[in-house]
Amino acid sequence: MPHTDAVNVAQKFSMFEDHWHPRLIARVNDTDVKITKLQGEFHWHQHDNEDELFFVIKGRLLMQFRDRDVWLEPGELIVVPRGVEHKPVAPEEVHLLLVEPSGTLNTGNVVNERTIAELEWI
């Protein structure tokens, strides 16, 4: 639930071990702030109606686009505009903070075993 207490992001990351499963840590108006751990490759997908902000806390993230690749180091972020096909790749474990409109499906236009329809607050 949204609240006015401080959120310790590092402590929140310590509460789970699984990968590719975003959790809610805050909500600002109609925007979700989520954290997740990544390792390995995701799949190609896009979000037709939502921009996404990816902020790397720990590890290195490769964001693949159809025309180029972008490496993100800790402390760096990238915004993937709506409608742009992309594929996150994490050769090592990545701790990631995501900012996106509430209701954004983590797998975008693809529904598969990694789709998380109901987000969990931690």
PDB file of N, CA and C in Angstrom:
ATOM      1  N   MET A   1       0.825  -1.182   0.000  1.00  0.00           N
ATOM      2  CA  MET A   1       0.000   0.000   0.000  1.00  0.00           C
ATOM      3  C   MET A   1       0.875   1.253   0.000  1.00  0.00           C
ATOM      4  N   PRO A   2       0.427   2.301  -0.657  1.00  0.00           N
ATOM      5  CA  PRO A   2       1.163   3.559  -0.596  1.00  0.00           C
ATOM      6  C   PRO A   2       1.202   4.081   0.844  1.00  0.00           C
ATOM      7  N   HIS A   3       2.289   4.703   1.194  1.00  0.00           N
ATOM      8  CA  HIS A   3       2.438   5.194   2.565  1.00  0.00           C
ATOM      9  C   HIS A   3       3.439   6.335   2.589  1.00  0.00           C
ATOM     10  N   THR A   4       3.578   6.944   3.749  1.00  0.00           N
ATOM     11  CA  THR A   4       4.493   8.074   3.881  1.00  0.00           C
ATOM     12  C   THR A   4       5.771   7.710   4.613  1.00  0.00           C
ATOM     13  N   ASP A   5       6.029   6.439   4.808  1.00  0.00           N
ATOM     14  CA  ASP A   5       7.269   6.001   5.448  1.00  0.00           C
ATOM     15  C   ASP A   5       8.389   5.915   4.421  1.00  0.00           C
ATOM     16  N   ALA A   6       9.623   5.999   4.894  1.00  0.00           N
ATOM     17  CA  ALA A   6      10.780   5.808   4.016  1.00  0.00           C
ATOM     18  C   ALA A   6      10.794   4.373   3.502  1.00  0.00           C
ATOM     19  N   VAL A   7      11.246   4.209   2.266  1.00  0.00           N
ATOM     20  CA  VAL A   7      11.380   2.882   1.667  1.00  0.00           C
ATOM     21  C   VAL A   7      12.868   2.602   1.509  1.00  0.00           C
ATOM     22  N   ASN A   8      13.346   1.552   2.156  1.00  0.00           N
ATOM     23  CA  ASN A   8      14.737   1.149   2.041  1.00  0.00           C
ATOM     24  C   ASN A   8      14.832   0.161   0.874  1.00  0.00           C
ATOM     25  N   VAL A   9      15.313   0.652  -0.261  1.00  0.00           N
ATOM     26  CA  VAL A   9      15.327  -0.151  -1.483  1.00  0.00           C
ATOM     27  C   VAL A   9      16.222  -1.378  -1.321  1.00  0.00           C
ATOM     28  N   ALA A  10      17.393  -1.228  -0.718  1.00  0.00           N
ATOM     29  CA  ALA A  10      18.293  -2.369  -0.520  1.00  0.00           C
ATOM     30  C   ALA A  10      17.614  -3.441   0.331  1.00  0.00           C
ATOM     31  N   GLN A  11      16.907  -3.033   1.372  1.00  0.00           N
ATOM     32  CA  GLN A  11      16.204  -3.984   2.226  1.00  0.00           C
ATOM     33  C   GLN A  11      15.105  -4.693   1.433  1.00  0.00           C
ATOM     34  N   LYS A  12      14.427  -3.982   0.564  1.00  0.00           N
ATOM     35  CA  LYS A  12      13.378  -4.591  -0.260  1.00  0.00           C
ATOM     36  C   LYS A  12      13.972  -5.649  -1.200  1.00  0.00           C
ATOM     37  N   PHE A  13      15.148  -5.353  -1.795  1.00  0.00           N
ATOM     38  CA  PHE A  13      15.791  -6.340  -2.658  1.00  0.00           C
ATOM     39  C   PHE A  13      16.165  -7.605  -1.883  1.00  0.00           C
ATOM     40  N   SER A  14      16.459  -7.477  -0.593  1.00  0.00           N
ATOM     41  CA  SER A  14      16.852  -8.646   0.207  1.00  0.00           C
ATOM     42  C   SER A  14      15.675  -9.560   0.517  1.00  0.00           C
ATOM     43  N   MET A  15      14.463  -9.128   0.208  1.00  0.00           N
ATOM     44  CA  MET A  15      13.270  -9.894   0.556  1.00  0.00           C
ATOM     45  C   MET A  15      12.887 -10.967  -0.466  1.00  0.00           C
ATOM     46  N   PHE A  16      13.595 -11.011  -1.597  1.00  0.00           N
ATOM     47  CA  PHE A  16      13.266 -12.018  -2.602  1.00  0.00           C
ATOM     48  C   PHE A  16      14.513 -12.404  -3.390  1.00  0.00           C
ATOM     49  N   GLU A  17      14.473 -13.577  -4.003  1.00  0.00           N
ATOM     50  CA  GLU A  17      15.609 -14.103  -4.755  1.00  0.00           C
ATOM     51  C   GLU A  17      15.292 -14.354  -6.224  1.00  0.00           C
ATOM     52  N   ASP A  18      14.015 -14.507  -6.572  1.00  0.00           N
ATOM     53  CA  ASP A  18      13.656 -14.901  -7.928  1.00  0.00           C
ATOM     54  C   ASP A  18      13.921 -13.782  -8.938  1.00  0.00           C
ATOM     55  N   HIS A  19      13.954 -14.165 -10.204  1.00  0.00           N
ATOM     56  CA  HIS A  19      14.261 -13.238 -11.291  1.00  0.00           C
ATOM     57  C   HIS A  19      13.028 -12.994 -12.160  1.00  0.00           C
ATOM     58  N   TRP A  20      13.004 -11.795 -12.774  1.00  0.00           N
ATOM     59  CA  TRP A  20      11.963 -11.423 -13.736  1.00  0.00           C
ATOM     60  C   TRP A  20      10.572 -11.343 -13.104  1.00  0.00           C
ATOM     61  N   HIS A  21      10.511 -11.027 -11.812  1.00  0.00           N
ATOM     62  CA  HIS A  21       9.235 -10.932 -11.096  1.00  0.00           C
ATOM     63  C   HIS A  21       9.175  -9.570 -10.394  1.00  0.00           C
ATOM     64  N   PRO A  22       8.662  -8.545 -11.080  1.00  0.00           N
ATOM     65  CA  PRO A  22       8.624  -7.212 -10.474  1.00  0.00           C
ATOM     66  C   PRO A  22       7.680  -7.132  -9.280  1.00  0.00           C
ATOM     67  N   ARG A  23       8.094  -6.299  -8.294  1.00  0.00           N
ATOM     68  CA  ARG A  23       7.282  -6.032  -7.111  1.00  0.00           C
ATOM     69  C   ARG A  23       7.111  -4.525  -6.944  1.00  0.00           C
ATOM     70  N   LEU A  24       5.977  -4.126  -6.436  1.00  0.00           N
ATOM     71  CA  LEU A  24       5.701  -2.711  -6.192  1.00  0.00           C
ATOM     72  C   LEU A  24       6.342  -2.253  -4.889  1.00  0.00           C
ATOM     73  N   ILE A  25       7.016  -1.100  -4.949  1.00  0.00           N
ATOM     74  CA  ILE A  25       7.534  -0.508  -3.714  1.00  0.00           C
ATOM     75  C   ILE A  25       6.962   0.883  -3.466  1.00  0.00           C
ATOM     76  N   ALA A  26       6.341   1.485  -4.489  1.00  0.00           N
ATOM     77  CA  ALA A  26       5.732   2.808  -4.319  1.00  0.00           C
ATOM     78  C   ALA A  26       4.805   3.083  -5.493  1.00  0.00           C
ATOM     79  N   ARG A  27       3.898   4.012  -5.258  1.00  0.00           N
ATOM     80  CA  ARG A  27       3.025   4.488  -6.335  1.00  0.00           C
ATOM     81  C   ARG A  27       2.964   6.008  -6.224  1.00  0.00           C
ATOM     82  N   VAL A  28       3.166   6.677  -7.350  1.00  0.00           N
ATOM     83  CA  VAL A  28       3.104   8.127  -7.421  1.00  0.00           C
ATOM     84  C   VAL A  28       2.024   8.474  -8.435  1.00  0.00           C
ATOM     85  N   ASN A  29       0.904   9.018  -7.946  1.00  0.00           N
ATOM     86  CA  ASN A  29      -0.246   9.271  -8.804  1.00  0.00           C
ATOM     87  C   ASN A  29      -0.615   7.977  -9.523  1.00  0.00           C
ATOM     88  N   ASP A  30      -0.552   7.933 -10.829  1.00  0.00           N
ATOM     89  CA  ASP A  30      -0.889   6.718 -11.579  1.00  0.00           C
ATOM     90  C   ASP A  30       0.356   6.024 -12.125  1.00  0.00           C
ATOM     91  N   THR A  31       1.458   6.159 -11.409  1.00  0.00           N
ATOM     92  CA  THR A  31       2.731   5.595 -11.848  1.00  0.00           C
ATOM     93  C   THR A  31       3.259   4.648 -10.781  1.00  0.00           C
ATOM     94  N   ASP A  32       3.678   3.457 -11.218  1.00  0.00           N
ATOM     95  CA  ASP A  32       4.240   2.464 -10.306  1.00  0.00           C
ATOM     96  C   ASP A  32       5.755   2.558 -10.272  1.00  0.00           C
ATOM     97  N   VAL A  33       6.306   2.388  -9.078  1.00  0.00           N
ATOM     98  CA  VAL A  33       7.746   2.225  -8.890  1.00  0.00           C
ATOM     99  C   VAL A  33       7.925   0.778  -8.447  1.00  0.00           C
ATOM    100  N   LYS A  34       8.681   0.031  -9.258  1.00  0.00           N
ATOM    101  CA  LYS A  34       8.838  -1.404  -9.039  1.00  0.00           C
ATOM    102  C   LYS A  34      10.316  -1.752  -8.936  1.00  0.00           C
ATOM    103  N   ILE A  35      10.592  -2.868  -8.284  1.00  0.00           N
ATOM    104  CA  ILE A  35      11.945  -3.422  -8.312  1.00  0.00           C
ATOM    105  C   ILE A  35      11.849  -4.870  -8.765  1.00  0.00           C
ATOM    106  N   THR A  36      12.937  -5.327  -9.357  1.00  0.00           N
ATOM    107  CA  THR A  36      13.022  -6.720  -9.777  1.00  0.00           C
ATOM    108  C   THR A  36      14.481  -7.104  -9.898  1.00  0.00           C
ATOM    109  N   LYS A  37      14.732  -8.388  -9.865  1.00  0.00           N
ATOM    110  CA  LYS A  37      16.056  -8.925 -10.154  1.00  0.00           C
ATOM    111  C   LYS A  37      15.969  -9.626 -11.500  1.00  0.00           C
ATOM    112  N   LEU A  38      16.999  -9.451 -12.298  1.00  0.00           N
ATOM    113  CA  LEU A  38      17.046 -10.067 -13.622  1.00  0.00           C
ATOM    114  C   LEU A  38      18.293 -10.922 -13.735  1.00  0.00           C
ATOM    115  N   GLN A  39      18.194 -11.994 -14.465  1.00  0.00           N
ATOM    116  CA  GLN A  39      19.360 -12.770 -14.863  1.00  0.00           C
ATOM    117  C   GLN A  39      18.960 -13.612 -16.067  1.00  0.00           C
ATOM    118  N   GLY A  40      19.818 -13.571 -17.102  1.00  0.00           N
ATOM    119  CA  GLY A  40      19.521 -14.267 -18.345  1.00  0.00           C
ATOM    120  C   GLY A  40      18.862 -13.325 -19.339  1.00  0.00           C
ATOM    121  N   GLU A  41      18.124 -13.918 -20.274  1.00  0.00           N
ATOM    122  CA  GLU A  41      17.473 -13.124 -21.327  1.00  0.00           C
ATOM    123  C   GLU A  41      15.969 -13.114 -21.123  1.00  0.00           C
ATOM    124  N   PHE A  42      15.359 -11.988 -21.424  1.00  0.00           N
ATOM    125  CA  PHE A  42      13.906 -11.890 -21.476  1.00  0.00           C
ATOM    126  C   PHE A  42      13.497 -12.210 -22.905  1.00  0.00           C
ATOM    127  N   HIS A  43      12.397 -11.732 -23.373  1.00  0.00           N
ATOM    128  CA  HIS A  43      11.978 -11.965 -24.753  1.00  0.00           C
ATOM    129  C   HIS A  43      11.708 -10.611 -25.415  1.00  0.00           C
ATOM    130  N   TRP A  44      11.684 -10.617 -26.717  1.00  0.00           N
ATOM    131  CA  TRP A  44      11.351  -9.408 -27.463  1.00  0.00           C
ATOM    132  C   TRP A  44       9.892  -9.060 -27.179  1.00  0.00           C
ATOM    133  N   HIS A  45       9.658  -7.795 -26.868  1.00  0.00           N
ATOM    134  CA  HIS A  45       8.298  -7.325 -26.633  1.00  0.00           C
ATOM    135  C   HIS A  45       8.259  -5.811 -26.757  1.00  0.00           C
ATOM    136  N   GLN A  46       7.057  -5.281 -26.723  1.00  0.00           N
ATOM    137  CA  GLN A  46       6.888  -3.832 -26.718  1.00  0.00           C
ATOM    138  C   GLN A  46       5.651  -3.496 -25.910  1.00  0.00           C
ATOM    139  N   HIS A  47       5.561  -2.243 -25.516  1.00  0.00           N
ATOM    140  CA  HIS A  47       4.403  -1.721 -24.797  1.00  0.00           C
ATOM    141  C   HIS A  47       3.788  -0.659 -25.691  1.00  0.00           C
ATOM    142  N   ASP A  48       2.623  -0.944 -26.210  1.00  0.00           N
ATOM    143  CA  ASP A  48       2.013  -0.047 -27.191  1.00  0.00           C
ATOM    144  C   ASP A  48       1.592   1.296 -26.605  1.00  0.00           C
ATOM    145  N   ASN A  49       1.273   1.330 -25.302  1.00  0.00           N
ATOM    146  CA  ASN A  49       0.719   2.549 -24.711  1.00  0.00           C
ATOM    147  C   ASN A  49       1.541   3.147 -23.580  1.00  0.00           C
ATOM    148  N   GLU A  50       2.651   2.520 -23.199  1.00  0.00           N
ATOM    149  CA  GLU A  50       3.399   2.988 -22.034  1.00  0.00           C
ATOM    150  C   GLU A  50       4.889   3.141 -22.331  1.00  0.00           C
ATOM    151  N   ASP A  51       5.472   4.236 -21.855  1.00  0.00           N
ATOM    152  CA  ASP A  51       6.924   4.364 -21.782  1.00  0.00           C
ATOM    153  C   ASP A  51       7.370   3.634 -20.518  1.00  0.00           C
ATOM    154  N   GLU A  52       8.629   3.152 -20.522  1.00  0.00           N
ATOM    155  CA  GLU A  52       9.184   2.483 -19.342  1.00  0.00           C
ATOM    156  C   GLU A  52      10.540   3.083 -19.009  1.00  0.00           C
ATOM    157  N   LEU A  53      10.785   3.298 -17.724  1.00  0.00           N
ATOM    158  CA  LEU A  53      12.087   3.758 -17.262  1.00  0.00           C
ATOM    159  C   LEU A  53      12.756   2.602 -16.528  1.00  0.00           C
ATOM    160  N   PHE A  54      13.969   2.243 -16.962  1.00  0.00           N
ATOM    161  CA  PHE A  54      14.786   1.201 -16.345  1.00  0.00           C
ATOM    162  C   PHE A  54      15.982   1.877 -15.676  1.00  0.00           C
ATOM    163  N   PHE A  55      16.161   1.684 -14.367  1.00  0.00           N
ATOM    164  CA  PHE A  55      17.278   2.258 -13.626  1.00  0.00           C
ATOM    165  C   PHE A  55      18.059   1.122 -12.976  1.00  0.00           C
ATOM    166  N   VAL A  56      19.319   0.954 -13.366  1.00  0.00           N
ATOM    167  CA  VAL A  56      20.138  -0.147 -12.858  1.00  0.00           C
ATOM    168  C   VAL A  56      20.725   0.237 -11.498  1.00  0.00           C
ATOM    169  N   ILE A  57      20.427  -0.571 -10.499  1.00  0.00           N
ATOM    170  CA  ILE A  57      20.957  -0.393  -9.152  1.00  0.00           C
ATOM    171  C   ILE A  57      22.265  -1.178  -9.000  1.00  0.00           C
ATOM    172  N   LYS A  58      22.267  -2.409  -9.512  1.00  0.00           N
ATOM    173  CA  LYS A  58      23.422  -3.314  -9.357  1.00  0.00           C
ATOM    174  C   LYS A  58      23.528  -4.168 -10.608  1.00  0.00           C
ATOM    175  N   GLY A  59      24.755  -4.455 -11.044  1.00  0.00           N
ATOM    176  CA  GLY A  59      24.980  -5.302 -12.213  1.00  0.00           C
ATOM    177  C   GLY A  59      25.009  -4.484 -13.500  1.00  0.00           C
ATOM    178  N   ARG A  60      25.116  -5.187 -14.629  1.00  0.00           N
ATOM    179  CA  ARG A  60      25.130  -4.566 -15.967  1.00  0.00           C
ATOM    180  C   ARG A  60      23.971  -5.125 -16.762  1.00  0.00           C
ATOM    181  N   LEU A  61      23.219  -4.235 -17.387  1.00  0.00           N
ATOM    182  CA  LEU A  61      22.065  -4.636 -18.180  1.00  0.00           C
ATOM    183  C   LEU A  61      22.303  -4.265 -19.634  1.00  0.00           C
ATOM    184  N   LEU A  62      22.048  -5.213 -20.501  1.00  0.00           N
ATOM    185  CA  LEU A  62      22.073  -4.964 -21.945  1.00  0.00           C
ATOM    186  C   LEU A  62      20.630  -4.800 -22.398  1.00  0.00           C
ATOM    187  N   MET A  63      20.309  -3.639 -22.962  1.00  0.00           N
ATOM    188  CA  MET A  63      18.985  -3.427 -23.538  1.00  0.00           C
ATOM    189  C   MET A  63      19.148  -3.527 -25.043  1.00  0.00           C
ATOM    190  N   GLN A  64      18.567  -4.568 -25.607  1.00  0.00           N
ATOM    191  CA  GLN A  64      18.652  -4.763 -27.049  1.00  0.00           C
ATOM    192  C   GLN A  64      17.447  -4.136 -27.724  1.00  0.00           C
ATOM    193  N   PHE A  65      17.732  -3.437 -28.810  1.00  0.00           N
ATOM    194  CA  PHE A  65      16.714  -2.908 -29.703  1.00  0.00           C
ATOM    195  C   PHE A  65      16.969  -3.552 -31.053  1.00  0.00           C
ATOM    196  N   ARG A  66      16.031  -3.493 -31.944  1.00  0.00           N
ATOM    197  CA  ARG A  66      16.204  -4.137 -33.246  1.00  0.00           C
ATOM    198  C   ARG A  66      17.345  -3.513 -34.047  1.00  0.00           C
ATOM    199  N   ASP A  67      17.676  -2.242 -33.776  1.00  0.00           N
ATOM    200  CA  ASP A  67      18.718  -1.565 -34.558  1.00  0.00           C
ATOM    201  C   ASP A  67      20.001  -1.278 -33.790  1.00  0.00           C
ATOM    202  N   ARG A  68      20.040  -1.595 -32.470  1.00  0.00           N
ATOM    203  CA  ARG A  68      21.247  -1.322 -31.691  1.00  0.00           C
ATOM    204  C   ARG A  68      21.130  -1.937 -30.306  1.00  0.00           C
ATOM    205  N   ASP A  69      22.271  -1.988 -29.606  1.00  0.00           N
ATOM    206  CA  ASP A  69      22.334  -2.461 -28.227  1.00  0.00           C
ATOM    207  C   ASP A  69      22.829  -1.323 -27.351  1.00  0.00           C
ATOM    208  N   VAL A  70      22.309  -1.246 -26.119  1.00  0.00           N
ATOM    209  CA  VAL A  70      22.736  -0.231 -25.152  1.00  0.00           C
ATOM    210  C   VAL A  70      23.073  -0.939 -23.848  1.00  0.00           C
ATOM    211  N   TRP A  71      24.311  -0.740 -23.358  1.00  0.00           N
ATOM    212  CA  TRP A  71      24.722  -1.276 -22.059  1.00  0.00           C
ATOM    213  C   TRP A  71      24.436  -0.239 -20.987  1.00  0.00           C
ATOM    214  N   LEU A  72      23.881  -0.696 -19.867  1.00  0.00           N
ATOM    215  CA  LEU A  72      23.618   0.163 -18.719  1.00  0.00           C
ATOM    216  C   LEU A  72      24.425  -0.330 -17.534  1.00  0.00           C
ATOM    217  N   GLU A  73      25.124   0.593 -16.905  1.00  0.00           N
ATOM    218  CA  GLU A  73      25.929   0.316 -15.718  1.00  0.00           C
ATOM    219  C   GLU A  73      25.144   0.748 -14.480  1.00  0.00           C
ATOM    220  N   PRO A  74      25.577   0.351 -13.284  1.00  0.00           N
ATOM    221  CA  PRO A  74      24.905   0.812 -12.068  1.00  0.00           C
ATOM    222  C   PRO A  74      24.843   2.339 -12.034  1.00  0.00           C
ATOM    223  N   GLY A  75      23.685   2.860 -11.672  1.00  0.00           N
ATOM    224  CA  GLY A  75      23.486   4.297 -11.615  1.00  0.00           C
ATOM    225  C   GLY A  75      23.015   4.907 -12.924  1.00  0.00           C
ATOM    226  N   GLU A  76      22.871   4.083 -13.968  1.00  0.00           N
ATOM    227  CA  GLU A  76      22.403   4.584 -15.261  1.00  0.00           C
ATOM    228  C   GLU A  76      20.961   4.148 -15.501  1.00  0.00           C
ATOM    229  N   LEU A  77      20.274   4.937 -16.316  1.00  0.00           N
ATOM    230  CA  LEU A  77      18.897   4.612 -16.665  1.00  0.00           C
ATOM    231  C   LEU A  77      18.670   4.807 -18.149  1.00  0.00           C
ATOM    232  N   ILE A  78      17.595   4.204 -18.619  1.00  0.00           N
ATOM    233  CA  ILE A  78      17.166   4.363 -20.000  1.00  0.00           C
ATOM    234  C   ILE A  78      15.641   4.390 -20.003  1.00  0.00           C
ATOM    235  N   VAL A  79      15.089   5.199 -20.887  1.00  0.00           N
ATOM    236  CA  VAL A  79      13.648   5.209 -21.103  1.00  0.00           C
ATOM    237  C   VAL A  79      13.379   4.541 -22.441  1.00  0.00           C
ATOM    238  N   VAL A  80      12.547   3.511 -22.401  1.00  0.00           N
ATOM    239  CA  VAL A  80      12.119   2.836 -23.625  1.00  0.00           C
ATOM    240  C   VAL A  80      10.758   3.417 -23.990  1.00  0.00           C
ATOM    241  N   PRO A  81      10.686   4.147 -25.102  1.00  0.00           N
ATOM    242  CA  PRO A  81       9.416   4.761 -25.479  1.00  0.00           C
ATOM    243  C   PRO A  81       8.368   3.721 -25.878  1.00  0.00           C
ATOM    244  N   ARG A  82       7.120   4.080 -25.682  1.00  0.00           N
ATOM    245  CA  ARG A  82       6.016   3.196 -26.078  1.00  0.00           C
ATOM    246  C   ARG A  82       6.160   2.809 -27.541  1.00  0.00           C
ATOM    247  N   GLY A  83       5.833   1.566 -27.833  1.00  0.00           N
ATOM    248  CA  GLY A  83       5.864   1.073 -29.200  1.00  0.00           C
ATOM    249  C   GLY A  83       7.221   0.616 -29.701  1.00  0.00           C
ATOM    250  N   VAL A  84       8.271   0.742 -28.869  1.00  0.00           N
ATOM    251  CA  VAL A  84       9.619   0.347 -29.293  1.00  0.00           C
ATOM    252  C   VAL A  84       9.901  -1.069 -28.799  1.00  0.00           C
ATOM    253  N   GLU A  85      10.167  -1.967 -29.734  1.00  0.00           N
ATOM    254  CA  GLU A  85      10.460  -3.352 -29.384  1.00  0.00           C
ATOM    255  C   GLU A  85      11.830  -3.416 -28.709  1.00  0.00           C
ATOM    256  N   HIS A  86      11.914  -4.191 -27.629  1.00  0.00           N
ATOM    257  CA  HIS A  86      13.156  -4.278 -26.865  1.00  0.00           C
ATOM    258  C   HIS A  86      13.251  -5.635 -26.175  1.00  0.00           C
ATOM    259  N   LYS A  87      14.485  -5.960 -25.757  1.00  0.00           N
ATOM    260  CA  LYS A  87      14.738  -7.213 -25.041  1.00  0.00           C
ATOM    261  C   LYS A  87      15.823  -6.969 -24.009  1.00  0.00           C
ATOM    262  N   PRO A  88      15.490  -7.011 -22.717  1.00  0.00           N
ATOM    263  CA  PRO A  88      16.503  -6.908 -21.673  1.00  0.00           C
ATOM    264  C   PRO A  88      17.301  -8.206 -21.553  1.00  0.00           C
ATOM    265  N   VAL A  89      18.610  -8.063 -21.370  1.00  0.00           N
ATOM    266  CA  VAL A  89      19.501  -9.199 -21.194  1.00  0.00           C
ATOM    267  C   VAL A  89      20.410  -8.894 -20.009  1.00  0.00           C
ATOM    268  N   ALA A  90      20.502  -9.840 -19.076  1.00  0.00           N
ATOM    269  CA  ALA A  90      21.332  -9.668 -17.879  1.00  0.00           C
ATOM    270  C   ALA A  90      22.301 -10.840 -17.779  1.00  0.00           C
ATOM    271  N   PRO A  91      23.541 -10.675 -18.297  1.00  0.00           N
ATOM    272  CA  PRO A  91      24.522 -11.759 -18.218  1.00  0.00           C
ATOM    273  C   PRO A  91      24.857 -12.150 -16.776  1.00  0.00           C
ATOM    274  N   GLU A  92      24.753 -11.186 -15.863  1.00  0.00           N
ATOM    275  CA  GLU A  92      24.930 -11.419 -14.438  1.00  0.00           C
ATOM    276  C   GLU A  92      23.684 -10.881 -13.751  1.00  0.00           C
ATOM    277  N   GLU A  93      23.497 -11.180 -12.472  1.00  0.00           N
ATOM    278  CA  GLU A  93      22.305 -10.686 -11.794  1.00  0.00           C
ATOM    279  C   GLU A  93      22.287  -9.158 -11.782  1.00  0.00           C
ATOM    280  N   VAL A  94      21.139  -8.620 -12.106  1.00  0.00           N
ATOM    281  CA  VAL A  94      20.908  -7.173 -12.119  1.00  0.00           C
ATOM    282  C   VAL A  94      19.795  -6.854 -11.132  1.00  0.00           C
ATOM    283  N   HIS A  95      19.996  -5.805 -10.345  1.00  0.00           N
ATOM    284  CA  HIS A  95      18.934  -5.257  -9.514  1.00  0.00           C
ATOM    285  C   HIS A  95      18.436  -4.021 -10.235  1.00  0.00           C
ATOM    286  N   LEU A  96      17.141  -3.991 -10.517  1.00  0.00           N
ATOM    287  CA  LEU A  96      16.571  -2.979 -11.399  1.00  0.00           C
ATOM    288  C   LEU A  96      15.392  -2.295 -10.738  1.00  0.00           C
ATOM    289  N   LEU A  97      15.314  -0.980 -10.902  1.00  0.00           N
ATOM    290  CA  LEU A  97      14.155  -0.204 -10.495  1.00  0.00           C
ATOM    291  C   LEU A  97      13.432   0.220 -11.769  1.00  0.00           C
ATOM    292  N   LEU A  98      12.135   0.015 -11.806  1.00  0.00           N
ATOM    293  CA  LEU A  98      11.308   0.356 -12.965  1.00  0.00           C
ATOM    294  C   LEU A  98      10.293   1.423 -12.575  1.00  0.00           C
ATOM    295  N   VAL A  99      10.060   2.362 -13.490  1.00  0.00           N
ATOM    296  CA  VAL A  99       9.015   3.366 -13.301  1.00  0.00           C
ATOM    297  C   VAL A  99       8.159   3.332 -14.554  1.00  0.00           C
ATOM    298  N   GLU A 100       6.870   3.066 -14.364  1.00  0.00           N
ATOM    299  CA  GLU A 100       5.970   2.948 -15.512  1.00  0.00           C
ATOM    300  C   GLU A 100       4.529   3.149 -15.048  1.00  0.00           C
ATOM    301  N   PRO A 101       3.632   3.477 -15.982  1.00  0.00           N
ATOM    302  CA  PRO A 101       2.234   3.681 -15.600  1.00  0.00           C
ATOM    303  C   PRO A 101       1.652   2.447 -14.909  1.00  0.00           C
ATOM    304  N   SER A 102       0.809   2.693 -13.923  1.00  0.00           N
ATOM    305  CA  SER A 102       0.128   1.590 -13.241  1.00  0.00           C
ATOM    306  C   SER A 102      -0.617   0.747 -14.267  1.00  0.00           C
ATOM    307  N   GLY A 103      -0.561  -0.559 -14.079  1.00  0.00           N
ATOM    308  CA  GLY A 103      -1.241  -1.466 -14.985  1.00  0.00           C
ATOM    309  C   GLY A 103      -0.386  -1.955 -16.137  1.00  0.00           C
ATOM    310  N   THR A 104       0.860  -1.452 -16.245  1.00  0.00           N
ATOM    311  CA  THR A 104       1.746  -1.900 -17.320  1.00  0.00           C
ATOM    312  C   THR A 104       2.105  -3.366 -17.096  1.00  0.00           C
ATOM    313  N   LEU A 105       1.863  -4.184 -18.076  1.00  0.00           N
ATOM    314  CA  LEU A 105       2.178  -5.612 -18.002  1.00  0.00           C
ATOM    315  C   LEU A 105       3.666  -5.813 -18.286  1.00  0.00           C
ATOM    316  N   ASN A 106       4.348  -6.546 -17.444  1.00  0.00           N
ATOM    317  CA  ASN A 106       5.802  -6.696 -17.577  1.00  0.00           C
ATOM    318  C   ASN A 106       6.223  -7.310 -18.911  1.00  0.00           C
ATOM    319  N   THR A 107       5.361  -8.097 -19.524  1.00  0.00           N
ATOM    320  CA  THR A 107       5.711  -8.739 -20.791  1.00  0.00           C
ATOM    321  C   THR A 107       5.113  -8.020 -21.998  1.00  0.00           C
ATOM    322  N   GLY A 108       4.529  -6.855 -21.767  1.00  0.00           N
ATOM    323  CA  GLY A 108       4.028  -6.046 -22.868  1.00  0.00           C
ATOM    324  C   GLY A 108       2.989  -6.767 -23.712  1.00  0.00           C
ATOM    325  N   ASN A 109       3.260  -6.809 -25.021  1.00  0.00           N
ATOM    326  CA  ASN A 109       2.314  -7.392 -25.971  1.00  0.00           C
ATOM    327  C   ASN A 109       2.404  -8.917 -26.052  1.00  0.00           C
ATOM    328  N   VAL A 110       3.210  -9.535 -25.198  1.00  0.00           N
ATOM    329  CA  VAL A 110       3.389 -10.986 -25.176  1.00  0.00           C
ATOM    330  C   VAL A 110       2.886 -11.505 -23.824  1.00  0.00           C
ATOM    331  N   VAL A 111       2.112 -12.554 -23.842  1.00  0.00           N
ATOM    332  CA  VAL A 111       1.685 -13.197 -22.598  1.00  0.00           C
ATOM    333  C   VAL A 111       2.281 -14.594 -22.583  1.00  0.00           C
ATOM    334  N   ASN A 112       3.084 -14.863 -21.532  1.00  0.00           N
ATOM    335  CA  ASN A 112       3.726 -16.171 -21.414  1.00  0.00           C
ATOM    336  C   ASN A 112       3.958 -16.496 -19.946  1.00  0.00           C
ATOM    337  N   GLU A 113       4.819 -17.466 -19.672  1.00  0.00           N
ATOM    338  CA  GLU A 113       5.063 -17.915 -18.298  1.00  0.00           C
ATOM    339  C   GLU A 113       5.713 -16.841 -17.423  1.00  0.00           C
ATOM    340  N   ARG A 114       6.278 -15.818 -18.005  1.00  0.00           N
ATOM    341  CA  ARG A 114       6.878 -14.732 -17.220  1.00  0.00           C
ATOM    342  C   ARG A 114       5.931 -13.570 -16.963  1.00  0.00           C
ATOM    343  N   THR A 115       4.739 -13.630 -17.490  1.00  0.00           N
ATOM    344  CA  THR A 115       3.765 -12.562 -17.289  1.00  0.00           C
ATOM    345  C   THR A 115       3.313 -12.530 -15.836  1.00  0.00           C
ATOM    346  N   ILE A 116       3.407 -11.355 -15.217  1.00  0.00           N
ATOM    347  CA  ILE A 116       2.944 -11.141 -13.856  1.00  0.00           C
ATOM    348  C   ILE A 116       1.757 -10.181 -13.922  1.00  0.00           C
ATOM    349  N   ALA A 117       0.555 -10.741 -13.865  1.00  0.00           N
ATOM    350  CA  ALA A 117      -0.646  -9.925 -14.032  1.00  0.00           C
ATOM    351  C   ALA A 117      -0.993  -9.132 -12.762  1.00  0.00           C
ATOM    352  N   GLU A 118      -0.775  -9.727 -11.600  1.00  0.00           N
ATOM    353  CA  GLU A 118      -1.072  -9.070 -10.322  1.00  0.00           C
ATOM    354  C   GLU A 118       0.227  -8.798  -9.592  1.00  0.00           C
ATOM    355  N   LEU A 119       0.552  -7.520  -9.408  1.00  0.00           N
ATOM    356  CA  LEU A 119       1.794  -7.163  -8.722  1.00  0.00           C
ATOM    357  C   LEU A 119       1.640  -7.253  -7.213  1.00  0.00           C
ATOM    358  N   GLU A 120       2.718  -7.660  -6.582  1.00  0.00           N
ATOM    359  CA  GLU A 120       2.775  -7.803  -5.127  1.00  0.00           C
ATOM    360  C   GLU A 120       3.472  -6.581  -4.539  1.00  0.00           C
ATOM    361  N   TRP A 121       2.893  -6.019  -3.483  1.00  0.00           N
ATOM    362  CA  TRP A 121       3.566  -4.948  -2.730  1.00  0.00           C
ATOM    363  C   TRP A 121       4.558  -5.578  -1.750  1.00  0.00           C
ATOM    364  N   ILE A 122       5.762  -5.043  -1.707  1.00  0.00           N
ATOM    365  CA  ILE A 122       6.696  -5.488  -0.661  1.00  0.00           C
ATOM    366  C   ILE A 122       7.180  -4.269   0.103  1.00  0.00           C
TER     367      ILE A 122
END
